């Protein structure tokens, strides 16, 4: 649900009750979205998904031949 800053301030208590039930809100300022309020448990899930996605992207960007830690250490020695 989208709500303006004035209405969000006026109805914060009711919004928090609805958020606790699973509803999310987008708060706008002069019609422009500035914040999103979501249930706390959902926030944790989003973070895990985001981290997993980012790790997969990093892994896919990695190039070169596989090597062991021992090889890396030995290559660094004179």
PDB file of N, CA and C in Angstrom:
ATOM      1  N   UNK A   1       0.841  -1.163   0.000  1.00  0.00           N
ATOM      2  CA  UNK A   1       0.000   0.000   0.000  1.00  0.00           C
ATOM      3  C   UNK A   1       0.892   1.234   0.000  1.00  0.00           C
ATOM      4  N   UNK A   2       0.491   2.259  -0.697  1.00  0.00           N
ATOM      5  CA  UNK A   2       1.234   3.514  -0.757  1.00  0.00           C
ATOM      6  C   UNK A   2       0.542   4.544   0.119  1.00  0.00           C
ATOM      7  N   UNK A   3       1.355   5.309   0.862  1.00  0.00           N
ATOM      8  CA  UNK A   3       0.805   6.305   1.773  1.00  0.00           C
ATOM      9  C   UNK A   3       1.754   7.505   1.823  1.00  0.00           C
ATOM     10  N   UNK A   4       1.199   8.698   1.906  1.00  0.00           N
ATOM     11  CA  UNK A   4       2.001   9.913   1.988  1.00  0.00           C
ATOM     12  C   UNK A   4       2.588  10.098   3.377  1.00  0.00           C
ATOM     13  N   UNK A   5       3.590  10.960   3.478  1.00  0.00           N
ATOM     14  CA  UNK A   5       4.275  11.159   4.759  1.00  0.00           C
ATOM     15  C   UNK A   5       3.339  11.679   5.842  1.00  0.00           C
ATOM     16  N   UNK A   6       2.458  12.618   5.507  1.00  0.00           N
ATOM     17  CA  UNK A   6       1.546  13.160   6.515  1.00  0.00           C
ATOM     18  C   UNK A   6       0.632  12.064   7.050  1.00  0.00           C
ATOM     19  N   UNK A   7       0.032  11.286   6.146  1.00  0.00           N
ATOM     20  CA  UNK A   7      -0.863  10.207   6.578  1.00  0.00           C
ATOM     21  C   UNK A   7      -0.103   9.126   7.347  1.00  0.00           C
ATOM     22  N   UNK A   8       1.131   8.854   6.943  1.00  0.00           N
ATOM     23  CA  UNK A   8       1.936   7.854   7.661  1.00  0.00           C
ATOM     24  C   UNK A   8       2.186   8.312   9.092  1.00  0.00           C
ATOM     25  N   UNK A   9       2.509   9.581   9.245  1.00  0.00           N
ATOM     26  CA  UNK A   9       2.745  10.133  10.583  1.00  0.00           C
ATOM     27  C   UNK A   9       1.465  10.072  11.419  1.00  0.00           C
ATOM     28  N   UNK A  10       0.357  10.403  10.808  1.00  0.00           N
ATOM     29  CA  UNK A  10      -0.925  10.430  11.511  1.00  0.00           C
ATOM     30  C   UNK A  10      -1.399   9.033  11.901  1.00  0.00           C
ATOM     31  N   UNK A  11      -1.121   8.051  11.061  1.00  0.00           N
ATOM     32  CA  UNK A  11      -1.659   6.699  11.263  1.00  0.00           C
ATOM     33  C   UNK A  11      -0.578   5.658  11.560  1.00  0.00           C
ATOM     34  N   UNK A  12       0.542   6.080  12.115  1.00  0.00           N
ATOM     35  CA  UNK A  12       1.661   5.163  12.331  1.00  0.00           C
ATOM     36  C   UNK A  12       1.270   3.940  13.160  1.00  0.00           C
ATOM     37  N   UNK A  13       0.530   4.141  14.222  1.00  0.00           N
ATOM     38  CA  UNK A  13       0.157   3.021  15.090  1.00  0.00           C
ATOM     39  C   UNK A  13      -0.645   1.963  14.325  1.00  0.00           C
ATOM     40  N   UNK A  14      -1.624   2.424  13.536  1.00  0.00           N
ATOM     41  CA  UNK A  14      -2.421   1.478  12.747  1.00  0.00           C
ATOM     42  C   UNK A  14      -1.558   0.788  11.687  1.00  0.00           C
ATOM     43  N   UNK A  15      -0.647   1.552  11.090  1.00  0.00           N
ATOM     44  CA  UNK A  15       0.245   0.970  10.083  1.00  0.00           C
ATOM     45  C   UNK A  15       1.092  -0.138  10.688  1.00  0.00           C
ATOM     46  N   UNK A  16       1.626   0.101  11.877  1.00  0.00           N
ATOM     47  CA  UNK A  16       2.461  -0.912  12.522  1.00  0.00           C
ATOM     48  C   UNK A  16       1.670  -2.184  12.811  1.00  0.00           C
ATOM     49  N   UNK A  17       0.404  -2.027  13.197  1.00  0.00           N
ATOM     50  CA  UNK A  17      -0.448  -3.208  13.404  1.00  0.00           C
ATOM     51  C   UNK A  17      -0.597  -3.995  12.102  1.00  0.00           C
ATOM     52  N   UNK A  18      -0.810  -3.289  10.996  1.00  0.00           N
ATOM     53  CA  UNK A  18      -0.970  -3.945   9.698  1.00  0.00           C
ATOM     54  C   UNK A  18       0.339  -4.579   9.227  1.00  0.00           C
ATOM     55  N   UNK A  19       1.444  -3.900   9.468  1.00  0.00           N
ATOM     56  CA  UNK A  19       2.754  -4.443   9.091  1.00  0.00           C
ATOM     57  C   UNK A  19       3.019  -5.733   9.848  1.00  0.00           C
ATOM     58  N   UNK A  20       2.651  -5.740  11.119  1.00  0.00           N
ATOM     59  CA  UNK A  20       2.836  -6.941  11.936  1.00  0.00           C
ATOM     60  C   UNK A  20       2.041  -8.116  11.366  1.00  0.00           C
ATOM     61  N   UNK A  21       0.943  -7.828  10.680  1.00  0.00           N
ATOM     62  CA  UNK A  21       0.116  -8.869  10.069  1.00  0.00           C
ATOM     63  C   UNK A  21       0.631  -9.284   8.688  1.00  0.00           C
ATOM     64  N   UNK A  22       1.683  -8.599   8.193  1.00  0.00           N
ATOM     65  CA  UNK A  22       2.258  -8.991   6.915  1.00  0.00           C
ATOM     66  C   UNK A  22       2.138  -7.972   5.797  1.00  0.00           C
ATOM     67  N   UNK A  23       1.422  -6.902   6.004  1.00  0.00           N
ATOM     68  CA  UNK A  23       1.260  -5.878   4.971  1.00  0.00           C
ATOM     69  C   UNK A  23       2.519  -5.021   4.896  1.00  0.00           C
ATOM     70  N   UNK A  24       2.834  -4.537   3.705  1.00  0.00           N
ATOM     71  CA  UNK A  24       3.947  -3.598   3.582  1.00  0.00           C
ATOM     72  C   UNK A  24       3.430  -2.261   3.050  1.00  0.00           C
ATOM     73  N   UNK A  25       4.180  -1.211   3.329  1.00  0.00           N
ATOM     74  CA  UNK A  25       3.812   0.144   2.935  1.00  0.00           C
ATOM     75  C   UNK A  25       4.965   0.806   2.203  1.00  0.00           C
ATOM     76  N   UNK A  26       4.628   1.586   1.189  1.00  0.00           N
ATOM     77  CA  UNK A  26       5.583   2.470   0.538  1.00  0.00           C
ATOM     78  C   UNK A  26       5.178   3.880   0.942  1.00  0.00           C
ATOM     79  N   UNK A  27       6.108   4.607   1.547  1.00  0.00           N
ATOM     80  CA  UNK A  27       5.831   5.977   1.983  1.00  0.00           C
ATOM     81  C   UNK A  27       6.341   6.921   0.907  1.00  0.00           C
ATOM     82  N   UNK A  28       5.482   7.862   0.518  1.00  0.00           N
ATOM     83  CA  UNK A  28       5.850   8.814  -0.519  1.00  0.00           C
ATOM     84  C   UNK A  28       5.929  10.225   0.046  1.00  0.00           C
ATOM     85  N   UNK A  29       6.754  11.028  -0.595  1.00  0.00           N
ATOM     86  CA  UNK A  29       6.851  12.447  -0.264  1.00  0.00           C
ATOM     87  C   UNK A  29       6.609  13.203  -1.561  1.00  0.00           C
ATOM     88  N   UNK A  30       5.494  13.911  -1.604  1.00  0.00           N
ATOM     89  CA  UNK A  30       5.077  14.621  -2.819  1.00  0.00           C
ATOM     90  C   UNK A  30       4.966  13.672  -4.003  1.00  0.00           C
ATOM     91  N   UNK A  31       4.471  12.465  -3.725  1.00  0.00           N
ATOM     92  CA  UNK A  31       4.244  11.478  -4.768  1.00  0.00           C
ATOM     93  C   UNK A  31       5.451  10.633  -5.148  1.00  0.00           C
ATOM     94  N   UNK A  32       6.599  10.921  -4.549  1.00  0.00           N
ATOM     95  CA  UNK A  32       7.822  10.178  -4.872  1.00  0.00           C
ATOM     96  C   UNK A  32       8.109   9.176  -3.755  1.00  0.00           C
ATOM     97  N   UNK A  33       8.250   7.882  -4.074  1.00  0.00           N
ATOM     98  CA  UNK A  33       8.553   6.888  -3.035  1.00  0.00           C
ATOM     99  C   UNK A  33       9.883   7.197  -2.351  1.00  0.00           C
ATOM    100  N   UNK A  34       9.864   7.188  -1.006  1.00  0.00           N
ATOM    101  CA  UNK A  34      11.098   7.469  -0.263  1.00  0.00           C
ATOM    102  C   UNK A  34      11.459   6.365   0.721  1.00  0.00           C
ATOM    103  N   UNK A  35      10.498   5.507   1.068  1.00  0.00           N
ATOM    104  CA  UNK A  35      10.790   4.453   2.045  1.00  0.00           C
ATOM    105  C   UNK A  35       9.805   3.309   1.869  1.00  0.00           C
ATOM    106  N   UNK A  36      10.229   2.145   2.346  1.00  0.00           N
ATOM    107  CA  UNK A  36       9.355   0.972   2.349  1.00  0.00           C
ATOM    108  C   UNK A  36       9.392   0.370   3.740  1.00  0.00           C
ATOM    109  N   UNK A  37       8.227   0.157   4.318  1.00  0.00           N
ATOM    110  CA  UNK A  37       8.112  -0.497   5.622  1.00  0.00           C
ATOM    111  C   UNK A  37       7.599  -1.904   5.391  1.00  0.00           C
ATOM    112  N   UNK A  38       8.362  -2.887   5.880  1.00  0.00           N
ATOM    113  CA  UNK A  38       7.991  -4.286   5.713  1.00  0.00           C
ATOM    114  C   UNK A  38       8.129  -4.991   7.053  1.00  0.00           C
ATOM    115  N   UNK A  39       7.453  -6.120   7.224  1.00  0.00           N
ATOM    116  CA  UNK A  39       7.610  -6.870   8.472  1.00  0.00           C
ATOM    117  C   UNK A  39       9.068  -7.250   8.700  1.00  0.00           C
ATOM    118  N   UNK A  40       9.501  -7.248   9.941  1.00  0.00           N
ATOM    119  CA  UNK A  40      10.894  -7.523  10.293  1.00  0.00           C
ATOM    120  C   UNK A  40      11.354  -8.887   9.788  1.00  0.00           C
ATOM    121  N   UNK A  41      10.555  -9.923   9.973  1.00  0.00           N
ATOM    122  CA  UNK A  41      10.935 -11.274   9.537  1.00  0.00           C
ATOM    123  C   UNK A  41      11.153 -11.309   8.032  1.00  0.00           C
ATOM    124  N   UNK A  42      10.335 -10.585   7.278  1.00  0.00           N
ATOM    125  CA  UNK A  42      10.482 -10.544   5.823  1.00  0.00           C
ATOM    126  C   UNK A  42      11.798  -9.877   5.447  1.00  0.00           C
ATOM    127  N   UNK A  43      12.187  -8.871   6.201  1.00  0.00           N
ATOM    128  CA  UNK A  43      13.439  -8.166   5.944  1.00  0.00           C
ATOM    129  C   UNK A  43      14.622  -9.127   6.019  1.00  0.00           C
ATOM    130  N   UNK A  44      14.625 -10.026   6.993  1.00  0.00           N
ATOM    131  CA  UNK A  44      15.706 -11.005   7.122  1.00  0.00           C
ATOM    132  C   UNK A  44      15.759 -11.907   5.897  1.00  0.00           C
ATOM    133  N   UNK A  45      14.591 -12.349   5.419  1.00  0.00           N
ATOM    134  CA  UNK A  45      14.547 -13.221   4.250  1.00  0.00           C
ATOM    135  C   UNK A  45      15.072 -12.496   3.022  1.00  0.00           C
ATOM    136  N   UNK A  46      14.682 -11.241   2.864  1.00  0.00           N
ATOM    137  CA  UNK A  46      15.142 -10.465   1.722  1.00  0.00           C
ATOM    138  C   UNK A  46      16.658 -10.349   1.766  1.00  0.00           C
ATOM    139  N   UNK A  47      17.209 -10.098   2.924  1.00  0.00           N
ATOM    140  CA  UNK A  47      18.656  -9.952   3.061  1.00  0.00           C
ATOM    141  C   UNK A  47      19.372 -11.245   2.686  1.00  0.00           C
ATOM    142  N   UNK A  48      18.865 -12.372   3.143  1.00  0.00           N
ATOM    143  CA  UNK A  48      19.497 -13.646   2.807  1.00  0.00           C
ATOM    144  C   UNK A  48      19.456 -13.897   1.312  1.00  0.00           C
ATOM    145  N   UNK A  49      18.295 -13.623   0.706  1.00  0.00           N
ATOM    146  CA  UNK A  49      18.166 -13.813  -0.737  1.00  0.00           C
ATOM    147  C   UNK A  49      19.135 -12.904  -1.488  1.00  0.00           C
ATOM    148  N   UNK A  50      19.220 -11.663  -1.046  1.00  0.00           N
ATOM    149  CA  UNK A  50      20.107 -10.704  -1.701  1.00  0.00           C
ATOM    150  C   UNK A  50      21.565 -11.146  -1.582  1.00  0.00           C
ATOM    151  N   UNK A  51      21.965 -11.570  -0.406  1.00  0.00           N
ATOM    152  CA  UNK A  51      23.343 -12.017  -0.196  1.00  0.00           C
ATOM    153  C   UNK A  51      23.647 -13.238  -1.052  1.00  0.00           C
ATOM    154  N   UNK A  52      22.734 -14.196  -1.084  1.00  0.00           N
ATOM    155  CA  UNK A  52      22.932 -15.401  -1.894  1.00  0.00           C
ATOM    156  C   UNK A  52      23.082 -15.038  -3.364  1.00  0.00           C
ATOM    157  N   UNK A  53      22.240 -14.142  -3.841  1.00  0.00           N
ATOM    158  CA  UNK A  53      22.308 -13.711  -5.237  1.00  0.00           C
ATOM    159  C   UNK A  53      23.648 -13.038  -5.529  1.00  0.00           C
ATOM    160  N   UNK A  54      24.076 -12.149  -4.637  1.00  0.00           N
ATOM    161  CA  UNK A  54      25.346 -11.451  -4.840  1.00  0.00           C
ATOM    162  C   UNK A  54      26.530 -12.419  -4.834  1.00  0.00           C
ATOM    163  N   UNK A  55      26.501 -13.409  -3.943  1.00  0.00           N
ATOM    164  CA  UNK A  55      27.583 -14.399  -3.911  1.00  0.00           C
ATOM    165  C   UNK A  55      27.637 -15.208  -5.205  1.00  0.00           C
ATOM    166  N   UNK A  56      26.472 -15.568  -5.735  1.00  0.00           N
ATOM    167  CA  UNK A  56      26.441 -16.304  -7.002  1.00  0.00           C
ATOM    168  C   UNK A  56      26.998 -15.456  -8.133  1.00  0.00           C
ATOM    169  N   UNK A  57      26.667 -14.151  -8.133  1.00  0.00           N
ATOM    170  CA  UNK A  57      27.187 -13.258  -9.167  1.00  0.00           C
ATOM    171  C   UNK A  57      28.707 -13.145  -9.075  1.00  0.00           C
ATOM    172  N   UNK A  58      29.229 -13.047  -7.865  1.00  0.00           N
ATOM    173  CA  UNK A  58      30.679 -12.974  -7.676  1.00  0.00           C
ATOM    174  C   UNK A  58      31.336 -14.251  -8.175  1.00  0.00           C
ATOM    175  N   UNK A  59      30.745 -15.385  -7.819  1.00  0.00           N
ATOM    176  CA  UNK A  59      31.298 -16.673  -8.252  1.00  0.00           C
ATOM    177  C   UNK A  59      31.305 -16.772  -9.776  1.00  0.00           C
ATOM    178  N   UNK A  60      30.254 -16.291 -10.426  1.00  0.00           N
ATOM    179  CA  UNK A  60      30.179 -16.356 -11.886  1.00  0.00           C
ATOM    180  C   UNK A  60      31.176 -15.417 -12.561  1.00  0.00           C
ATOM    181  N   UNK A  61      31.567 -14.342 -11.886  1.00  0.00           N
ATOM    182  CA  UNK A  61      32.539 -13.402 -12.457  1.00  0.00           C
ATOM    183  C   UNK A  61      33.970 -13.900 -12.316  1.00  0.00           C
ATOM    184  N   UNK A  62      34.196 -14.831 -11.424  1.00  0.00           N
ATOM    185  CA  UNK A  62      35.543 -15.336 -11.188  1.00  0.00           C
ATOM    186  C   UNK A  62      36.026 -16.086 -12.422  1.00  0.00           C
ATOM    187  N   UNK A  63      37.236 -15.748 -12.858  1.00  0.00           N
ATOM    188  CA  UNK A  63      37.792 -16.415 -14.037  1.00  0.00           C
ATOM    189  C   UNK A  63      39.128 -17.048 -13.678  1.00  0.00           C
ATOM    190  N   UNK A  64      39.617 -17.867 -14.582  1.00  0.00           N
ATOM    191  CA  UNK A  64      40.916 -18.481 -14.372  1.00  0.00           C
ATOM    192  C   UNK A  64      40.794 -19.930 -13.955  1.00  0.00           C
ATOM    193  N   UNK A  65      41.952 -20.550 -13.855  1.00  0.00           N
ATOM    194  CA  UNK A  65      42.025 -21.955 -13.475  1.00  0.00           C
ATOM    195  C   UNK A  65      41.873 -22.107 -11.968  1.00  0.00           C
ATOM    196  N   UNK A  66      41.231 -23.169 -11.532  1.00  0.00           N
ATOM    197  CA  UNK A  66      41.136 -23.412 -10.092  1.00  0.00           C
ATOM    198  C   UNK A  66      42.529 -23.671  -9.511  1.00  0.00           C
ATOM    199  N   UNK A  67      42.735 -23.280  -8.265  1.00  0.00           N
ATOM    200  CA  UNK A  67      44.011 -23.512  -7.603  1.00  0.00           C
ATOM    201  C   UNK A  67      43.765 -23.731  -6.120  1.00  0.00           C
ATOM    202  N   UNK A  68      44.756 -24.312  -5.481  1.00  0.00           N
ATOM    203  CA  UNK A  68      44.633 -24.565  -4.047  1.00  0.00           C
ATOM    204  C   UNK A  68      45.287 -23.427  -3.275  1.00  0.00           C
ATOM    205  N   UNK A  69      44.977 -23.332  -2.015  1.00  0.00           N
ATOM    206  CA  UNK A  69      45.592 -22.337  -1.147  1.00  0.00           C
ATOM    207  C   UNK A  69      47.101 -22.559  -1.097  1.00  0.00           C
ATOM    208  N   UNK A  70      47.515 -23.816  -1.019  1.00  0.00           N
ATOM    209  CA  UNK A  70      48.948 -24.135  -0.968  1.00  0.00           C
ATOM    210  C   UNK A  70      49.655 -23.588  -2.214  1.00  0.00           C
ATOM    211  N   UNK A  71      49.052 -23.783  -3.400  1.00  0.00           N
ATOM    212  CA  UNK A  71      49.654 -23.263  -4.633  1.00  0.00           C
ATOM    213  C   UNK A  71      49.779 -21.740  -4.587  1.00  0.00           C
ATOM    214  N   UNK A  72      48.763 -21.081  -4.075  1.00  0.00           N
ATOM    215  CA  UNK A  72      48.800 -19.625  -3.987  1.00  0.00           C
ATOM    216  C   UNK A  72      49.914 -19.167  -3.061  1.00  0.00           C
ATOM    217  N   UNK A  73      50.085 -19.851  -1.938  1.00  0.00           N
ATOM    218  CA  UNK A  73      51.142 -19.502  -0.985  1.00  0.00           C
ATOM    219  C   UNK A  73      52.508 -19.736  -1.613  1.00  0.00           C
ATOM    220  N   UNK A  74      52.670 -20.882  -2.271  1.00  0.00           N
ATOM    221  CA  UNK A  74      53.961 -21.207  -2.885  1.00  0.00           C
ATOM    222  C   UNK A  74      54.299 -20.251  -4.022  1.00  0.00           C
ATOM    223  N   UNK A  75      53.302 -19.816  -4.778  1.00  0.00           N
ATOM    224  CA  UNK A  75      53.546 -18.864  -5.862  1.00  0.00           C
ATOM    225  C   UNK A  75      54.003 -17.515  -5.324  1.00  0.00           C
ATOM    226  N   UNK A  76      53.601 -17.183  -4.118  1.00  0.00           N
ATOM    227  CA  UNK A  76      53.969 -15.903  -3.527  1.00  0.00           C
ATOM    228  C   UNK A  76      55.349 -15.896  -2.910  1.00  0.00           C
ATOM    229  N   UNK A  77      55.972 -17.060  -2.768  1.00  0.00           N
ATOM    230  CA  UNK A  77      57.307 -17.154  -2.154  1.00  0.00           C
ATOM    231  C   UNK A  77      58.392 -16.982  -3.206  1.00  0.00           C
ATOM    232  N   UNK A  78      59.486 -16.317  -2.825  1.00  0.00           N
ATOM    233  CA  UNK A  78      60.605 -16.163  -3.776  1.00  0.00           C
ATOM    234  C   UNK A  78      61.401 -17.440  -3.942  1.00  0.00           C
TER     235      UNK A  78
END
